[in-house]
């Protein structure tokens, strides 16, 4: 018996990492782009390291997927009603992960796993520069929290 669903409907949602910078800080410190890129790399590696027990992370860094890694760079809103700092976003993500763990357990292999994250704070300046979210398939709860963030285009 053949399925009437297209093959693309059966494929899993691709894994992605979100790298998020503070919409206000990225311009207010006057740092060149190079240091901001380095901060993002630090945060991404830290998010990978802290989530190595996740099936999604292991799949993302597997040899078969090294040439197809996908990342999205976002920024928090710098003004208006949705204004949010990286530490505020980190608190929301931490609470959402804790809620997910209550229902699933920390070692669950669930496809809708709420991902861990890492907030990189540059020292000695003590400036939160980038929040990296571990590889994930964009679960609904994460999409909702990231809705105010916009694509970083510059």
Foldseek 3Di string as FASTA:
>chain_A
DDDPDDPVVVDAQDKEKEKEFAPPPVPVVPDDVVVLVVLSVVFQVVQLVVPVLAPQSCVCPPPVNPVPYHYFYWYADCDDPRRDHPVRLLVVLVVVLVVQCVVANPNHRDLLRSWHKGFRQDPPVRRGGIIMTGIHSPHPSNCVSCVNIGGDDD
